[in-house]
Amino acid sequence: MSPTPEYWFRAKRYGWGWGLPARWQGWVVLIAYFALIGATIRFAPPDQHRLAFISLVALYSIVLVVVCWLKGEPPRWRWGND
């Protein structure tokens, strides 16, 4: 019998997707995500570099979803009692 995987992100209780991180690696990923957004606001302000800002935040968000998909619980719709 294989050991149960240790997910970085737990599934949300209601709806589809992931909630807050369950392990320290997930917290590092989430903090890095917000730090990158903060750095982007600082060095490519949305009022001066709108396209660059939107593109970078979209890229960071895609990377976050990919990490959650690979390291989190398998996503599915949940109704709270699953």
N, C-alpha and C. Protein backbone atom coordinates (compact mmCIF):
# COMPACT_ATOMS: atom_id res chain seq x y z
N MET A 1 0.84 -1.18 0.00
CA MET A 1 0.00 0.00 0.00
C MET A 1 0.89 1.24 0.00
N SER A 2 0.62 2.16 -0.89
CA SER A 2 1.45 3.36 -0.99
C SER A 2 1.05 4.36 0.08
N PRO A 3 2.01 5.17 0.54
CA PRO A 3 1.67 6.18 1.55
C PRO A 3 0.79 7.27 0.94
N THR A 4 -0.02 7.90 1.77
CA THR A 4 -0.87 8.98 1.27
C THR A 4 0.00 10.18 0.93
N PRO A 5 -0.28 10.83 -0.18
CA PRO A 5 0.52 12.00 -0.57
C PRO A 5 0.30 13.16 0.39
N GLU A 6 1.33 13.93 0.59
CA GLU A 6 1.23 15.11 1.44
C GLU A 6 1.04 16.33 0.53
N TYR A 7 -0.19 16.75 0.40
CA TYR A 7 -0.53 17.85 -0.49
C TYR A 7 -0.08 19.18 0.10
N TRP A 8 0.39 20.07 -0.78
CA TRP A 8 0.77 21.41 -0.35
C TRP A 8 -0.47 22.27 -0.16
N PHE A 9 -1.51 21.98 -0.93
CA PHE A 9 -2.75 22.76 -0.89
C PHE A 9 -3.93 21.80 -0.73
N ARG A 10 -4.77 22.06 0.25
CA ARG A 10 -5.98 21.25 0.44
C ARG A 10 -7.08 21.79 -0.46
N ALA A 11 -8.00 20.91 -0.78
CA ALA A 11 -9.16 21.33 -1.57
C ALA A 11 -10.08 22.18 -0.71
N LYS A 12 -10.78 23.10 -1.37
CA LYS A 12 -11.78 23.90 -0.66
C LYS A 12 -12.93 23.00 -0.21
N ARG A 13 -13.56 23.38 0.87
CA ARG A 13 -14.69 22.60 1.38
C ARG A 13 -15.91 22.74 0.46
N TYR A 14 -16.13 23.94 -0.06
CA TYR A 14 -17.25 24.21 -0.97
C TYR A 14 -16.70 24.74 -2.28
N GLY A 15 -17.24 24.25 -3.38
CA GLY A 15 -16.82 24.75 -4.68
C GLY A 15 -15.67 23.96 -5.27
N TRP A 16 -15.00 24.58 -6.23
CA TRP A 16 -13.92 23.94 -6.97
C TRP A 16 -12.63 24.69 -6.70
N GLY A 17 -11.55 23.98 -6.50
CA GLY A 17 -10.26 24.63 -6.35
C GLY A 17 -9.60 24.32 -5.02
N TRP A 18 -8.67 25.19 -4.64
CA TRP A 18 -7.86 24.96 -3.45
C TRP A 18 -8.02 26.10 -2.47
N GLY A 19 -7.82 25.76 -1.21
CA GLY A 19 -7.88 26.75 -0.14
C GLY A 19 -6.48 27.17 0.27
N LEU A 20 -6.34 27.51 1.53
CA LEU A 20 -5.04 27.92 2.05
C LEU A 20 -4.06 26.75 2.05
N PRO A 21 -2.77 27.03 2.01
CA PRO A 21 -1.77 25.96 2.02
C PRO A 21 -1.86 25.08 3.26
N ALA A 22 -1.49 23.81 3.08
CA ALA A 22 -1.49 22.85 4.18
C ALA A 22 -0.08 22.56 4.67
N ARG A 23 0.93 22.87 3.88
CA ARG A 23 2.32 22.59 4.25
C ARG A 23 3.16 23.84 4.03
N TRP A 24 4.35 23.84 4.59
CA TRP A 24 5.20 25.03 4.50
C TRP A 24 5.57 25.34 3.05
N GLN A 25 5.70 24.32 2.21
CA GLN A 25 6.05 24.56 0.81
C GLN A 25 4.94 25.37 0.12
N GLY A 26 3.71 25.07 0.45
CA GLY A 26 2.59 25.83 -0.11
C GLY A 26 2.61 27.28 0.34
N TRP A 27 2.96 27.50 1.62
CA TRP A 27 3.05 28.87 2.12
C TRP A 27 4.16 29.63 1.41
N VAL A 28 5.28 28.97 1.13
CA VAL A 28 6.37 29.63 0.41
C VAL A 28 5.90 30.04 -0.98
N VAL A 29 5.19 29.15 -1.66
CA VAL A 29 4.67 29.46 -3.00
C VAL A 29 3.71 30.65 -2.93
N LEU A 30 2.80 30.66 -1.96
CA LEU A 30 1.82 31.74 -1.86
C LEU A 30 2.49 33.07 -1.51
N ILE A 31 3.45 33.05 -0.59
CA ILE A 31 4.18 34.28 -0.23
C ILE A 31 4.97 34.79 -1.43
N ALA A 32 5.61 33.88 -2.17
CA ALA A 32 6.36 34.29 -3.37
C ALA A 32 5.43 34.91 -4.40
N TYR A 33 4.23 34.36 -4.55
CA TYR A 33 3.24 34.91 -5.49
C TYR A 33 2.92 36.36 -5.14
N PHE A 34 2.61 36.60 -3.87
CA PHE A 34 2.27 37.97 -3.46
C PHE A 34 3.48 38.89 -3.49
N ALA A 35 4.67 38.36 -3.20
CA ALA A 35 5.89 39.18 -3.29
C ALA A 35 6.16 39.59 -4.74
N LEU A 36 5.95 38.67 -5.67
CA LEU A 36 6.14 39.00 -7.09
C LEU A 36 5.12 40.04 -7.55
N ILE A 37 3.89 39.93 -7.09
CA ILE A 37 2.90 40.95 -7.44
C ILE A 37 3.29 42.29 -6.85
N GLY A 38 3.77 42.29 -5.60
CA GLY A 38 4.24 43.54 -4.98
C GLY A 38 5.40 44.15 -5.73
N ALA A 39 6.35 43.33 -6.15
CA ALA A 39 7.49 43.83 -6.92
C ALA A 39 7.03 44.37 -8.28
N THR A 40 6.06 43.72 -8.87
CA THR A 40 5.54 44.19 -10.15
C THR A 40 4.85 45.54 -9.99
N ILE A 41 4.10 45.71 -8.90
CA ILE A 41 3.47 47.01 -8.63
C ILE A 41 4.54 48.08 -8.46
N ARG A 42 5.64 47.72 -7.81
CA ARG A 42 6.71 48.69 -7.54
C ARG A 42 7.47 49.07 -8.82
N PHE A 43 7.82 48.07 -9.63
CA PHE A 43 8.70 48.32 -10.78
C PHE A 43 7.97 48.46 -12.12
N ALA A 44 6.73 48.07 -12.18
CA ALA A 44 5.92 48.24 -13.40
C ALA A 44 4.52 48.66 -12.97
N PRO A 45 4.39 49.89 -12.44
CA PRO A 45 3.09 50.33 -11.92
C PRO A 45 1.99 50.22 -12.98
N PRO A 46 0.81 49.76 -12.56
CA PRO A 46 -0.26 49.56 -13.54
C PRO A 46 -0.70 50.84 -14.24
N ASP A 47 -0.50 51.99 -13.62
CA ASP A 47 -0.92 53.23 -14.28
C ASP A 47 0.09 53.68 -15.34
N GLN A 48 1.31 53.15 -15.30
CA GLN A 48 2.33 53.54 -16.29
C GLN A 48 2.63 52.42 -17.29
N HIS A 49 2.54 51.19 -16.85
CA HIS A 49 2.88 50.03 -17.70
C HIS A 49 1.74 49.01 -17.63
N ARG A 50 0.60 49.41 -18.11
CA ARG A 50 -0.60 48.60 -17.96
C ARG A 50 -0.47 47.21 -18.58
N LEU A 51 0.00 47.12 -19.81
CA LEU A 51 0.10 45.82 -20.48
C LEU A 51 1.12 44.92 -19.79
N ALA A 52 2.26 45.47 -19.41
CA ALA A 52 3.28 44.68 -18.71
C ALA A 52 2.74 44.18 -17.37
N PHE A 53 2.06 45.05 -16.65
CA PHE A 53 1.51 44.67 -15.35
C PHE A 53 0.49 43.54 -15.49
N ILE A 54 -0.45 43.69 -16.40
CA ILE A 54 -1.48 42.66 -16.60
C ILE A 54 -0.85 41.35 -17.06
N SER A 55 0.12 41.43 -17.96
CA SER A 55 0.78 40.23 -18.47
C SER A 55 1.53 39.49 -17.37
N LEU A 56 2.26 40.24 -16.55
CA LEU A 56 3.03 39.60 -15.48
C LEU A 56 2.13 38.99 -14.41
N VAL A 57 1.10 39.70 -14.01
CA VAL A 57 0.18 39.15 -13.00
C VAL A 57 -0.53 37.91 -13.55
N ALA A 58 -0.90 37.93 -14.82
CA ALA A 58 -1.52 36.76 -15.44
C ALA A 58 -0.54 35.58 -15.46
N LEU A 59 0.72 35.85 -15.79
CA LEU A 59 1.74 34.80 -15.79
C LEU A 59 1.92 34.22 -14.39
N TYR A 60 2.04 35.08 -13.38
CA TYR A 60 2.20 34.60 -12.00
C TYR A 60 1.00 33.75 -11.59
N SER A 61 -0.19 34.18 -11.97
CA SER A 61 -1.40 33.45 -11.59
C SER A 61 -1.46 32.09 -12.27
N ILE A 62 -1.07 32.03 -13.52
CA ILE A 62 -1.04 30.74 -14.23
C ILE A 62 -0.05 29.80 -13.56
N VAL A 63 1.12 30.31 -13.21
CA VAL A 63 2.12 29.47 -12.53
C VAL A 63 1.57 28.98 -11.18
N LEU A 64 0.89 29.85 -10.44
CA LEU A 64 0.31 29.45 -9.15
C LEU A 64 -0.73 28.34 -9.35
N VAL A 65 -1.58 28.46 -10.33
CA VAL A 65 -2.59 27.43 -10.58
C VAL A 65 -1.92 26.11 -10.98
N VAL A 66 -0.88 26.17 -11.79
CA VAL A 66 -0.16 24.95 -12.18
C VAL A 66 0.46 24.27 -10.96
N VAL A 67 1.09 25.06 -10.09
CA VAL A 67 1.68 24.49 -8.87
C VAL A 67 0.58 23.87 -8.00
N CYS A 68 -0.53 24.57 -7.84
CA CYS A 68 -1.65 24.02 -7.06
C CYS A 68 -2.17 22.73 -7.68
N TRP A 69 -2.26 22.69 -8.99
CA TRP A 69 -2.75 21.51 -9.70
C TRP A 69 -1.81 20.32 -9.48
N LEU A 70 -0.50 20.59 -9.54
CA LEU A 70 0.48 19.51 -9.40
C LEU A 70 0.69 19.07 -7.96
N LYS A 71 0.62 20.01 -7.02
CA LYS A 71 0.97 19.72 -5.63
C LYS A 71 -0.21 19.74 -4.67
N GLY A 72 -1.40 20.03 -5.18
CA GLY A 72 -2.58 20.09 -4.32
C GLY A 72 -3.47 18.87 -4.48
N GLU A 73 -4.50 18.81 -3.65
CA GLU A 73 -5.48 17.74 -3.79
C GLU A 73 -6.13 17.83 -5.17
N PRO A 74 -6.50 16.70 -5.75
CA PRO A 74 -7.16 16.76 -7.05
C PRO A 74 -8.43 17.61 -6.98
N PRO A 75 -8.57 18.57 -7.90
CA PRO A 75 -9.74 19.45 -7.84
C PRO A 75 -11.00 18.76 -8.35
N ARG A 76 -12.09 19.05 -7.69
CA ARG A 76 -13.42 18.61 -8.13
C ARG A 76 -14.42 19.45 -7.37
N TRP A 77 -15.65 19.45 -7.82
CA TRP A 77 -16.68 20.23 -7.16
C TRP A 77 -17.02 19.57 -5.82
N ARG A 78 -17.08 20.36 -4.76
CA ARG A 78 -17.37 19.85 -3.42
C ARG A 78 -18.56 20.60 -2.83
N TRP A 79 -19.34 19.87 -2.04
CA TRP A 79 -20.54 20.43 -1.44
C TRP A 79 -20.43 20.59 0.06
N GLY A 80 -19.26 20.40 0.64
CA GLY A 80 -19.06 20.62 2.06
C GLY A 80 -19.01 19.37 2.90
N ASN A 81 -19.62 18.29 2.46
CA ASN A 81 -19.62 17.06 3.25
C ASN A 81 -18.81 15.96 2.58
N ASP A 82 -17.94 16.33 1.68
CA ASP A 82 -17.10 15.35 0.96
C ASP A 82 -15.87 15.03 1.77
